[in-house]
């Protein structure tokens, strides 16, 4: 007779209290308790020791289920293009962009047999036309994976690819999968945000949300309203730094290793996309100060301190520790915990604050344990609200070292894997950093965060952890 569900629950997998912090009272409406130290997943010694790996083995009818390590093996993306008729991907199908990323992963990791991929998850916000029809399955077939490999599509707006990674990663951790592909695609030129959507009139008639909640730029203006210290000057300065850091990263060859060139068709003939189209390395404070504020007269949110409308695709390989050994794979980083959280849709930009609190608590960590941050720059003010909450300086070198979405672009559901690509590469350059975070705000009032461990960790302490010692 099968054991009851409660008996199959790992002994330390109970609900957790919500987080701490000044903004958490705004986000959650109340104060919250402290995390329990015994939730700390690592023993403080060997960086690859995880007591969750040794514990939580459960038996039912003679079988067993054990929590397993989840590794980020590889990640790629196409260069992000500008959305619209003048963008480089206007004549390129959305699903073909996704196919390019999957094929690149297969070529870069030939030691994994095609029939050993257990599932393919591809996210998209607007699932219609060339961005519809169960993308994970159709792109897997088009990329040449065997018919035996299944696939799915999912949506969490901006956090689509992040959710694909956490969903597939959960399957690996549970033992249902060994090797999976997770990513996202968004062709905002073909499918603008909200196209084809029909929001239920009850949202407004019953005042469930403000009309502003459906306009991301207006939610960013509301963040400026709510937190006056988040000034336009700060947002512009942060945006300028993002552009300059991205340009420096390109010049140093740090971005190119995970870019997949794409053949493009335009009025002038065929070309090859090898670089993000929206980069503006010449950005100055004077130039940013003169831009229009499209979401409000005399507002603070501009095209210069926001991410653009973009087309792009990403994909990654996740694998278990057993699969690493079987196929001779190298782990770029290891998943420690993740969390998603909901907030007021009218100020969706603060979403990464409670999601990060939850993810840190589940890992038994604090913000001071995090040595590198990859935060999606939907809007500069949104990143600044996160940094202020945690007492991190606007120009802290641990944050978006190579620039962010303000420079590279933000093709909605694909952006999560871009964050992971950059964090994993930065881990290679910073073996003194043990833990890093990828986090992003999500439309309609959500946030998502993944905590990662650096598999190159050398046992030392990172710069943020040593401040004040």
Protein backbone atom coordinates (compact mmCIF):
# COMPACT_ATOMS: atom_id res chain seq x y z
CA UNK A 1 0.00 0.00 0.00
CA UNK A 2 1.56 3.37 -0.99
CA UNK A 3 2.69 5.57 1.88
CA UNK A 4 0.61 8.71 2.49
CA UNK A 5 1.91 11.89 0.89
CA UNK A 6 2.97 13.41 4.23
CA UNK A 7 5.17 10.41 4.95
CA UNK A 8 6.98 10.91 1.65
CA UNK A 9 7.89 14.52 2.41
CA UNK A 10 11.58 15.03 3.24
CA UNK A 11 11.92 15.83 6.97
CA UNK A 12 13.25 19.37 6.40
CA UNK A 13 10.85 20.38 3.61
CA UNK A 14 8.28 22.35 5.58
CA UNK A 15 6.88 25.82 4.79
CA UNK A 16 9.07 28.76 5.69
CA UNK A 17 8.27 32.18 7.19
CA UNK A 18 8.49 35.21 4.95
CA UNK A 19 11.46 37.56 4.83
CA UNK A 20 12.93 40.55 6.61
CA UNK A 21 13.77 44.05 5.49
CA UNK A 22 12.39 47.56 5.20
CA UNK A 23 10.64 46.98 1.89
CA UNK A 24 9.33 43.59 2.96
CA UNK A 25 6.74 45.37 5.09
CA UNK A 26 5.60 47.16 1.96
CA UNK A 27 5.70 44.01 -0.14
CA UNK A 28 4.10 41.64 2.37
CA UNK A 29 2.29 44.06 4.70
CA UNK A 30 3.80 42.62 7.91
CA UNK A 31 7.03 41.73 9.69
CA UNK A 32 8.40 38.23 9.48
CA UNK A 33 10.43 35.77 11.46
CA UNK A 34 14.04 34.72 11.11
CA UNK A 35 15.27 31.87 8.96
CA UNK A 36 16.36 28.68 10.69
CA UNK A 37 20.11 28.07 10.61
CA UNK A 38 19.57 24.35 10.12
CA UNK A 39 18.22 25.12 6.65
CA UNK A 40 21.78 25.95 5.54
CA UNK A 41 22.33 23.45 2.71
CA UNK A 42 26.14 23.44 2.78
CA UNK A 43 28.34 22.44 5.68
CA UNK A 44 30.84 25.28 5.26
CA UNK A 45 33.63 22.90 4.27
CA UNK A 46 33.84 21.24 0.86
CA UNK A 47 31.96 23.46 -1.61
CA UNK A 48 30.45 20.42 -3.26
CA UNK A 49 29.13 18.93 -0.01
CA UNK A 50 25.39 19.37 0.28
CA UNK A 51 23.68 17.70 3.19
CA UNK A 52 20.47 17.67 1.18
CA UNK A 53 22.20 15.26 -1.19
CA UNK A 54 22.92 12.80 1.59
CA UNK A 55 19.62 13.27 3.39
CA UNK A 56 15.97 13.14 2.30
CA UNK A 57 16.11 9.59 0.99
CA UNK A 58 12.61 8.23 1.18
CA UNK A 59 11.28 4.74 0.64
CA UNK A 60 7.87 3.59 -0.62
CA UNK A 61 7.09 0.05 -1.77
CA UNK A 62 10.80 -0.71 -1.89
CA UNK A 63 11.65 2.27 -4.14
CA UNK A 64 13.53 5.44 -3.23
CA UNK A 65 13.64 9.09 -4.17
CA UNK A 66 16.68 11.20 -3.24
CA UNK A 67 17.34 14.90 -3.76
CA UNK A 68 20.10 15.30 -6.35
CA UNK A 69 22.45 18.05 -7.45
CA UNK A 70 21.31 20.28 -10.32
CA UNK A 71 24.11 21.63 -12.51
CA UNK A 72 24.15 24.36 -15.12
CA UNK A 73 26.29 22.75 -17.81
CA UNK A 74 26.06 25.20 -20.71
CA UNK A 75 24.07 28.17 -21.96
CA UNK A 76 23.89 30.10 -25.20
CA UNK A 77 21.91 32.90 -26.80
CA UNK A 78 21.53 34.66 -30.11
CA UNK A 79 22.56 38.32 -30.32
CA UNK A 80 19.52 40.33 -29.22
CA UNK A 81 17.93 42.46 -31.93
CA UNK A 82 15.75 45.55 -31.94
CA UNK A 83 12.06 44.76 -32.33
CA UNK A 84 10.25 46.12 -35.37
CA UNK A 85 10.56 46.36 -39.13
CA UNK A 86 14.01 47.95 -38.88
CA UNK A 87 15.33 45.25 -36.55
CA UNK A 88 17.72 42.60 -37.80
CA UNK A 89 15.31 39.72 -37.09
CA UNK A 90 12.21 41.20 -38.74
CA UNK A 91 12.33 38.50 -41.46
CA UNK A 92 13.40 35.72 -39.09
CA UNK A 93 10.90 33.40 -37.39
CA UNK A 94 10.81 33.25 -33.61
CA UNK A 95 10.99 29.47 -33.52
CA UNK A 96 14.02 29.51 -35.84
CA UNK A 97 15.85 31.72 -33.31
CA UNK A 98 15.12 29.14 -30.64
CA UNK A 99 16.21 26.28 -32.90
CA UNK A 100 19.57 28.04 -33.40
CA UNK A 101 20.22 28.00 -29.66
CA UNK A 102 19.29 24.33 -29.23
CA UNK A 103 21.44 23.25 -32.17
CA UNK A 104 24.36 25.22 -30.75
CA UNK A 105 24.03 23.37 -27.44
CA UNK A 106 23.99 20.02 -29.22
CA UNK A 107 27.09 20.94 -31.22
CA UNK A 108 28.94 22.22 -28.15
CA UNK A 109 28.13 19.11 -26.13
CA UNK A 110 28.43 16.18 -28.58
CA UNK A 111 29.17 13.70 -25.80
CA UNK A 112 25.50 13.75 -24.76
CA UNK A 113 23.52 11.35 -26.99
CA UNK A 114 20.43 12.99 -28.45
CA UNK A 115 18.10 10.39 -26.99
CA UNK A 116 19.38 11.07 -23.48
CA UNK A 117 17.73 14.49 -23.28
CA UNK A 118 14.74 13.90 -21.05
CA UNK A 119 12.74 17.04 -21.84
CA UNK A 120 12.90 20.45 -23.51
CA UNK A 121 11.18 23.50 -22.00
CA UNK A 122 11.02 26.72 -24.03
CA UNK A 123 9.20 29.76 -22.66
CA UNK A 124 7.48 32.58 -24.52
CA UNK A 125 5.22 35.34 -23.27
CA UNK A 126 3.05 35.64 -26.38
CA UNK A 127 2.41 32.12 -27.60
CA UNK A 128 0.90 32.56 -31.02
CA UNK A 129 1.95 32.37 -34.65
CA UNK A 130 5.64 31.52 -35.09
CA UNK A 131 5.95 31.66 -31.29
CA UNK A 132 3.20 29.13 -30.55
CA UNK A 133 2.45 25.43 -30.98
CA UNK A 134 4.20 23.98 -27.90
CA UNK A 135 7.60 25.50 -28.55
CA UNK A 136 9.63 22.99 -26.56
CA UNK A 137 8.41 20.13 -28.71
CA UNK A 138 8.46 21.87 -32.09
CA UNK A 139 11.90 23.43 -31.63
CA UNK A 140 13.33 20.12 -30.39
CA UNK A 141 12.12 18.41 -33.55
CA UNK A 142 13.35 21.21 -35.79
CA UNK A 143 16.74 21.15 -34.06
CA UNK A 144 17.16 17.46 -34.88
CA UNK A 145 16.55 15.84 -31.50
CA UNK A 146 15.05 12.32 -31.70
CA UNK A 147 11.28 11.89 -31.81
CA UNK A 148 11.52 10.27 -28.38
CA UNK A 149 12.48 13.59 -26.73
CA UNK A 150 9.38 15.41 -25.38
CA UNK A 151 8.94 19.15 -24.97
CA UNK A 152 6.72 21.82 -23.48
CA UNK A 153 6.08 25.54 -23.55
CA UNK A 154 5.46 27.75 -20.53
CA UNK A 155 4.98 31.39 -19.61
CA UNK A 156 5.88 33.64 -16.71
CA UNK A 157 6.34 36.77 -18.79
CA UNK A 158 9.87 38.16 -18.21
CA UNK A 159 10.84 35.17 -16.06
CA UNK A 160 9.87 32.58 -18.66
CA UNK A 161 13.36 31.16 -19.24
CA UNK A 162 14.10 31.38 -15.52
CA UNK A 163 10.95 29.35 -14.83
CA UNK A 164 11.91 26.87 -17.54
CA UNK A 165 15.22 26.39 -15.72
CA UNK A 166 13.64 25.99 -12.28
CA UNK A 167 10.97 23.65 -13.62
CA UNK A 168 13.44 21.43 -15.47
CA UNK A 169 15.93 21.74 -12.62
CA UNK A 170 13.29 20.55 -10.16
CA UNK A 171 12.79 17.47 -12.32
CA UNK A 172 16.52 16.80 -12.22
CA UNK A 173 16.65 17.32 -8.46
CA UNK A 174 13.69 14.99 -7.91
CA UNK A 175 15.27 12.28 -10.06
CA UNK A 176 12.81 12.33 -12.96
CA UNK A 177 15.41 13.76 -15.38
CA UNK A 178 19.13 13.38 -15.97
CA UNK A 179 19.73 15.91 -18.78
CA UNK A 180 17.34 18.64 -19.95
CA UNK A 181 17.23 21.76 -22.10
CA UNK A 182 15.59 24.94 -20.81
CA UNK A 183 15.33 28.38 -22.38
CA UNK A 184 13.08 31.00 -23.88
CA UNK A 185 12.33 33.08 -26.93
CA UNK A 186 10.61 36.38 -27.56
CA UNK A 187 10.11 38.06 -30.93
CA UNK A 188 8.62 41.35 -29.81
CA UNK A 189 8.67 42.62 -33.37
CA UNK A 190 6.26 39.91 -34.48
CA UNK A 191 4.44 39.64 -31.15
CA UNK A 192 4.38 42.86 -29.10
CA UNK A 193 3.74 42.46 -25.38
CA UNK A 194 0.02 41.93 -24.85
CA UNK A 195 -0.85 41.28 -28.49
CA UNK A 196 -3.88 39.01 -28.69
CA UNK A 197 -4.49 39.25 -24.96
CA UNK A 198 -7.93 40.06 -23.58
CA UNK A 199 -7.58 41.07 -19.91
CA UNK A 200 -10.64 40.22 -17.87
CA UNK A 201 -12.65 43.43 -17.27
CA UNK A 202 -13.02 42.45 -13.62
CA UNK A 203 -9.43 43.51 -13.01
CA UNK A 204 -10.49 47.13 -13.38
CA UNK A 205 -14.22 47.01 -12.62
CA UNK A 206 -13.57 45.36 -9.25
CA UNK A 207 -10.42 47.40 -8.71
CA UNK A 208 -8.27 44.31 -8.34
CA UNK A 209 -5.42 46.22 -9.96
CA UNK A 210 -4.89 49.72 -11.30
CA UNK A 211 -4.92 50.29 -15.04
CA UNK A 212 -1.25 51.23 -14.62
CA UNK A 213 -0.46 47.64 -13.65
CA UNK A 214 -0.76 46.55 -17.27
CA UNK A 215 1.82 49.11 -18.42
CA UNK A 216 5.32 48.23 -17.28
CA UNK A 217 6.70 51.74 -17.83
CA UNK A 218 4.01 53.24 -15.61
CA UNK A 219 4.84 50.74 -12.86
CA UNK A 220 8.43 51.97 -13.02
CA UNK A 221 7.23 55.56 -12.63
CA UNK A 222 5.34 54.45 -9.53
CA UNK A 223 8.58 53.14 -8.03
CA UNK A 224 10.06 56.61 -8.41
CA UNK A 225 6.95 58.00 -6.70
CA UNK A 226 7.07 55.56 -3.81
CA UNK A 227 10.78 55.95 -3.13
CA UNK A 228 11.79 59.59 -3.78
CA UNK A 229 15.45 58.79 -3.13
CA UNK A 230 15.39 56.79 -6.38
CA UNK A 231 15.92 59.86 -8.51
CA UNK A 232 16.10 60.17 -12.28
CA UNK A 233 19.74 61.25 -11.96
CA UNK A 234 20.55 58.00 -10.17
CA UNK A 235 18.64 55.97 -12.75
CA UNK A 236 20.42 57.72 -15.63
CA UNK A 237 23.82 57.26 -14.04
CA UNK A 238 23.15 53.57 -13.47
CA UNK A 239 21.96 53.18 -17.08
CA UNK A 240 25.06 54.90 -18.46
CA UNK A 241 27.28 52.58 -16.41
CA UNK A 242 25.41 49.54 -17.76
CA UNK A 243 26.13 50.61 -21.34
CA UNK A 244 29.79 51.26 -20.59
CA UNK A 245 30.26 47.95 -18.76
CA UNK A 246 28.64 46.04 -21.62
CA UNK A 247 30.93 47.71 -24.14
CA UNK A 248 33.98 46.88 -22.03
CA UNK A 249 32.84 43.25 -21.71
CA UNK A 250 32.49 42.98 -25.48
CA UNK A 251 35.90 44.56 -26.01
CA UNK A 252 37.42 42.03 -23.61
CA UNK A 253 35.74 39.11 -25.42
CA UNK A 254 33.67 38.10 -22.41
CA UNK A 255 30.24 38.03 -24.08
CA UNK A 256 31.09 36.33 -27.37
CA UNK A 257 31.79 32.77 -26.11
CA UNK A 258 28.08 32.15 -25.53
CA UNK A 259 26.72 34.01 -28.57
CA UNK A 260 25.35 32.05 -31.53
CA UNK A 261 25.69 33.93 -34.85
CA UNK A 262 22.48 34.16 -36.88
CA UNK A 263 22.10 34.73 -40.62
CA UNK A 264 19.74 37.66 -41.20
CA UNK A 265 17.81 38.86 -44.23
CA UNK A 266 17.21 42.53 -44.95
CA UNK A 267 16.48 44.89 -47.81
CA UNK A 268 20.19 45.02 -48.59
CA UNK A 269 20.60 41.25 -48.72
CA UNK A 270 21.89 38.73 -46.22
CA UNK A 271 23.94 39.52 -43.16
CA UNK A 272 25.28 37.86 -40.02
CA UNK A 273 24.23 38.93 -36.53
CA UNK A 274 27.19 38.61 -34.17
CA UNK A 275 26.52 41.42 -31.71
CA UNK A 276 23.55 42.80 -29.78
CA UNK A 277 21.83 45.47 -31.83
CA UNK A 278 20.83 47.89 -29.06
CA UNK A 279 24.24 48.61 -27.54
CA UNK A 280 24.97 52.32 -27.04
CA UNK A 281 28.53 52.60 -25.71
CA UNK A 282 28.57 56.34 -26.45
CA UNK A 283 25.85 57.01 -23.82
CA UNK A 284 26.40 60.14 -21.69
CA UNK A 285 24.51 61.72 -18.81
CA UNK A 286 23.83 64.75 -20.98
CA UNK A 287 22.28 62.61 -23.67
CA UNK A 288 20.12 60.71 -21.19
CA UNK A 289 18.91 63.92 -19.55
CA UNK A 290 17.37 65.13 -22.79
CA UNK A 291 15.28 62.03 -23.57
CA UNK A 292 11.48 62.10 -23.54
CA UNK A 293 9.50 60.50 -20.71
CA UNK A 294 6.85 58.53 -22.64
CA UNK A 295 4.96 57.12 -19.66
CA UNK A 296 4.23 60.43 -17.92
CA UNK A 297 4.71 64.13 -18.65
CA UNK A 298 7.81 65.30 -16.79
CA UNK A 299 8.40 61.73 -15.63
CA UNK A 300 11.63 59.95 -14.88
CA UNK A 301 11.51 56.74 -16.95
CA UNK A 302 13.00 57.08 -20.45
CA UNK A 303 14.15 54.83 -23.25
CA UNK A 304 17.69 55.42 -21.99
CA UNK A 305 17.21 54.13 -18.45
CA UNK A 306 15.00 51.20 -19.47
CA UNK A 307 15.53 48.01 -21.42
CA UNK A 308 14.32 48.14 -25.02
CA UNK A 309 11.85 46.15 -27.09
CA UNK A 310 13.85 43.24 -28.41
CA UNK A 311 13.91 39.92 -30.25
CA UNK A 312 16.03 37.03 -29.02
CA UNK A 313 16.34 33.45 -27.81
CA UNK A 314 18.32 31.53 -25.20
CA UNK A 315 18.80 27.91 -24.18
CA UNK A 316 20.72 25.99 -21.53
CA UNK A 317 21.58 22.45 -20.49
CA UNK A 318 20.95 21.30 -16.93
CA UNK A 319 22.17 17.95 -15.66
CA UNK A 320 22.43 15.81 -12.56
CA UNK A 321 25.71 15.03 -10.86
CA UNK A 322 25.41 11.47 -12.12
CA UNK A 323 25.04 12.71 -15.71
CA UNK A 324 28.15 14.86 -15.33
CA UNK A 325 30.14 11.77 -14.47
CA UNK A 326 28.53 9.58 -17.13
CA UNK A 327 29.10 11.98 -20.02
CA UNK A 328 32.25 13.72 -18.81
CA UNK A 329 30.53 17.09 -18.52
CA UNK A 330 31.85 20.15 -16.70
CA UNK A 331 29.54 22.07 -14.40
CA UNK A 332 29.62 25.86 -14.78
CA UNK A 333 27.61 26.27 -11.55
CA UNK A 334 25.19 24.44 -9.29
CA UNK A 335 21.65 25.38 -8.32
CA UNK A 336 21.23 25.94 -4.57
CA UNK A 337 17.68 27.27 -4.25
CA UNK A 338 15.08 29.32 -6.06
CA UNK A 339 11.91 31.24 -5.26
CA UNK A 340 9.17 33.27 -6.89
CA UNK A 341 7.04 35.85 -5.11
CA UNK A 342 4.06 38.08 -5.79
CA UNK A 343 3.80 41.82 -5.05
CA UNK A 344 1.45 44.66 -5.92
CA UNK A 345 1.24 44.69 -9.73
CA UNK A 346 1.41 48.49 -9.70
CA UNK A 347 4.98 48.32 -8.37
CA UNK A 348 6.08 45.05 -9.94
CA UNK A 349 9.71 46.22 -9.94
CA UNK A 350 10.16 45.36 -6.27
CA UNK A 351 9.32 41.71 -6.99
CA UNK A 352 12.94 40.46 -6.78
CA UNK A 353 13.17 41.65 -3.17
CA UNK A 354 10.78 39.11 -1.60
CA UNK A 355 11.79 36.38 -4.07
CA UNK A 356 15.44 36.86 -3.08
CA UNK A 357 14.54 36.84 0.62
CA UNK A 358 12.73 33.53 0.12
CA UNK A 359 15.51 31.97 -1.95
CA UNK A 360 18.20 33.02 0.55
CA UNK A 361 16.16 31.73 3.46
CA UNK A 362 15.62 28.37 1.80
CA UNK A 363 19.37 28.14 1.22
CA UNK A 364 20.20 29.17 4.79
CA UNK A 365 22.16 32.15 3.45
CA UNK A 366 22.13 35.92 3.88
CA UNK A 367 22.68 38.68 1.34
CA UNK A 368 26.29 39.00 2.57
CA UNK A 369 26.98 35.46 1.37
CA UNK A 370 26.29 36.55 -2.20
CA UNK A 371 29.41 37.68 -4.04
CA UNK A 372 27.98 38.24 -7.53
CA UNK A 373 24.60 39.48 -8.73
CA UNK A 374 23.06 39.28 -12.19
CA UNK A 375 19.92 41.42 -11.96
CA UNK A 376 17.71 41.93 -14.98
CA UNK A 377 17.58 45.61 -15.82
CA UNK A 378 13.99 45.99 -16.99
CA UNK A 379 14.27 49.53 -15.63
CA UNK A 380 17.16 51.18 -13.82
CA UNK A 381 14.85 52.25 -10.98
CA UNK A 382 13.84 48.62 -10.44
CA UNK A 383 17.46 47.54 -9.90
CA UNK A 384 18.09 50.54 -7.65
CA UNK A 385 15.13 49.59 -5.43
CA UNK A 386 16.71 46.15 -4.95
CA UNK A 387 20.13 47.59 -4.16
CA UNK A 388 18.75 50.13 -1.69
CA UNK A 389 16.77 47.47 0.12
CA UNK A 390 19.91 45.41 0.70
CA UNK A 391 22.23 48.35 1.37
CA UNK A 392 24.30 47.77 -1.76
CA UNK A 393 25.85 50.74 -3.55
CA UNK A 394 24.65 51.67 -7.05
CA UNK A 395 28.15 51.08 -8.41
CA UNK A 396 29.03 47.99 -6.35
CA UNK A 397 31.38 45.90 -8.54
CA UNK A 398 29.57 42.69 -7.62
CA UNK A 399 26.43 43.81 -9.46
CA UNK A 400 26.06 43.23 -13.21
CA UNK A 401 29.78 43.34 -13.83
CA UNK A 402 29.36 43.12 -17.59
CA UNK A 403 26.32 45.37 -17.94
CA UNK A 404 22.70 44.36 -18.21
CA UNK A 405 19.45 44.49 -20.15
CA UNK A 406 19.58 48.28 -20.53
CA UNK A 407 22.53 47.65 -22.85
CA UNK A 408 22.00 44.13 -24.22
CA UNK A 409 18.21 44.21 -24.49
CA UNK A 410 15.39 42.30 -22.83
CA UNK A 411 13.49 39.89 -25.08
CA UNK A 412 11.12 39.07 -22.20
CA UNK A 413 10.89 35.28 -21.77
CA UNK A 414 14.44 34.65 -22.99
CA UNK A 415 16.35 36.89 -20.58
CA UNK A 416 16.71 34.54 -17.62
CA UNK A 417 19.31 32.35 -19.30
CA UNK A 418 21.33 35.40 -20.36
CA UNK A 419 21.70 36.23 -16.68
CA UNK A 420 22.85 32.67 -15.99
CA UNK A 421 25.36 32.69 -18.83
CA UNK A 422 26.99 35.83 -17.49
CA UNK A 423 26.98 34.73 -13.85
CA UNK A 424 28.54 31.37 -14.68
CA UNK A 425 31.31 33.03 -16.71
CA UNK A 426 31.97 35.51 -13.90
CA UNK A 427 32.23 32.59 -11.47
CA UNK A 428 35.16 31.33 -13.56
CA UNK A 429 36.94 34.65 -13.10
CA UNK A 430 36.12 34.88 -9.39
CA UNK A 431 36.90 31.61 -7.59
CA UNK A 432 36.79 33.55 -4.29
CA UNK A 433 33.02 33.92 -4.75
CA UNK A 434 31.04 30.93 -3.56
CA UNK A 435 27.45 32.07 -4.17
CA UNK A 436 25.76 34.25 -6.77
CA UNK A 437 22.20 35.28 -7.60
CA UNK A 438 20.20 35.72 -10.78
CA UNK A 439 17.03 37.73 -10.17
CA UNK A 440 14.39 39.60 -12.12
CA UNK A 441 11.08 41.42 -11.79
CA UNK A 442 8.09 39.98 -13.61
CA UNK A 443 5.07 41.69 -15.13
CA UNK A 444 1.79 41.77 -13.20
CA UNK A 445 3.61 41.88 -9.89
CA UNK A 446 6.08 39.03 -9.44
CA UNK A 447 9.77 38.43 -8.79
CA UNK A 448 12.04 35.46 -9.39
CA UNK A 449 15.43 34.51 -7.91
CA UNK A 450 17.85 31.60 -8.23
CA UNK A 451 20.82 31.15 -5.89
CA UNK A 452 23.80 29.42 -7.51
CA UNK A 453 27.03 27.94 -6.16
CA UNK A 454 30.34 28.44 -7.91
CA UNK A 455 31.86 25.04 -8.71
CA UNK A 456 35.24 26.80 -8.99
CA UNK A 457 35.15 28.09 -5.41
CA UNK A 458 38.60 28.12 -3.80
CA UNK A 459 37.51 28.42 -0.17
CA UNK A 460 38.31 32.12 0.16
CA UNK A 461 35.96 35.00 1.04
CA UNK A 462 34.61 37.40 -1.55
CA UNK A 463 35.02 41.18 -1.32
CA UNK A 464 31.52 41.97 -0.04
CA UNK A 465 31.84 39.38 2.74
CA UNK A 466 35.10 40.88 3.99
CA UNK A 467 33.83 44.48 4.26
CA UNK A 468 33.80 45.70 7.80
CA UNK A 469 35.82 42.78 9.17
